[in-house]
Amino acid sequence: MLYLLAAIGAICVVVLLWRAFVANPTTVGDRRVSRPPSGRPAPMAPDDDPEFLRSLERKNPPEPDGKQPPV
């Protein structure tokens, strides 16, 4: 019984290591991982978007004395 459990454990470790280091996640089995096409830019977070930051500057101009308003 102990050998059976050791064999099952060894098989699990081998499968996990294979999946982690060898398997290509886009072609494992019949499943396909969807990735955005390379022609489209990746989604951008609002704090990285220059247009969004410009719109914030227009909505909230800096104080005349140069001090930042409290957050």
Protein backbone atom coordinates (compact mmCIF):
# COMPACT_ATOMS: atom_id res chain seq x y z
CA MET A 1 0.00 0.00 0.00
CA LEU A 2 2.85 2.36 0.82
CA TYR A 3 4.41 1.77 -2.61
CA LEU A 4 1.12 2.62 -4.31
CA LEU A 5 0.84 5.92 -2.46
CA ALA A 6 4.49 6.72 -3.24
CA ALA A 7 3.90 5.96 -6.94
CA ILE A 8 0.82 8.19 -7.05
CA GLY A 9 2.73 10.99 -5.31
CA ALA A 10 5.66 10.65 -7.70
CA ILE A 11 3.33 10.75 -10.72
CA CYS A 12 1.67 13.91 -9.37
CA VAL A 13 5.04 15.60 -8.85
CA VAL A 14 6.20 14.66 -12.36
CA VAL A 15 2.98 15.95 -13.93
CA LEU A 16 3.16 19.23 -12.02
CA LEU A 17 6.80 19.76 -12.96
CA TRP A 18 6.03 18.95 -16.61
CA ARG A 19 3.14 21.41 -16.66
CA ALA A 20 5.25 24.10 -14.98
CA PHE A 21 8.39 23.86 -17.10
CA VAL A 22 7.72 22.01 -20.36
CA ALA A 23 4.12 22.36 -21.46
CA ASN A 24 3.13 25.29 -23.64
CA PRO A 25 -0.09 26.65 -22.07
CA THR A 26 -1.57 27.58 -25.44
CA THR A 27 -1.44 24.03 -26.79
CA VAL A 28 -2.07 21.78 -23.78
CA GLY A 29 -4.68 19.22 -24.79
CA ASP A 30 -7.69 20.44 -26.75
CA ARG A 31 -7.96 23.61 -24.71
CA ARG A 32 -6.71 26.88 -26.11
CA VAL A 33 -5.85 29.87 -24.00
CA SER A 34 -7.23 32.99 -25.60
CA ARG A 35 -4.71 35.78 -25.98
CA PRO A 36 -5.32 39.18 -27.54
CA PRO A 37 -4.13 39.47 -31.14
CA SER A 38 -0.73 41.06 -31.48
CA GLY A 39 -2.15 43.87 -33.65
CA ARG A 40 -4.23 45.30 -30.81
CA PRO A 41 -2.57 47.14 -27.94
CA ALA A 42 -2.93 45.65 -24.49
CA PRO A 43 -5.51 47.23 -22.17
CA MET A 44 -4.16 50.23 -20.33
CA ALA A 45 -4.87 51.13 -16.72
CA PRO A 46 -6.42 54.59 -16.20
CA ASP A 47 -3.39 55.87 -14.33
CA ASP A 48 -1.15 54.94 -17.30
CA ASP A 49 -3.41 56.51 -19.93
CA PRO A 50 -2.06 59.97 -20.90
CA GLU A 51 -5.46 61.18 -22.16
CA PHE A 52 -7.10 60.24 -18.85
CA LEU A 53 -4.41 62.10 -16.92
CA ARG A 54 -4.85 65.18 -19.13
CA SER A 55 -8.60 65.10 -18.51
CA LEU A 56 -7.94 65.05 -14.76
CA GLU A 57 -5.68 68.10 -15.11
CA ARG A 58 -8.46 69.92 -16.98
CA LYS A 59 -11.08 68.99 -14.38
CA ASN A 60 -8.88 69.75 -11.35
CA PRO A 61 -6.41 72.53 -12.15
CA PRO A 62 -3.55 73.01 -9.67
CA GLU A 63 -3.94 75.52 -6.86
CA PRO A 64 -2.62 79.02 -7.67
CA ASP A 65 -0.17 78.99 -4.73
CA GLY A 66 1.30 75.66 -5.92
CA LYS A 67 0.04 73.61 -2.98
CA GLN A 68 -1.73 70.34 -3.66
CA PRO A 69 -5.26 69.96 -2.26
CA PRO A 70 -5.66 67.31 0.45
CA VAL A 71 -6.60 63.88 -0.81
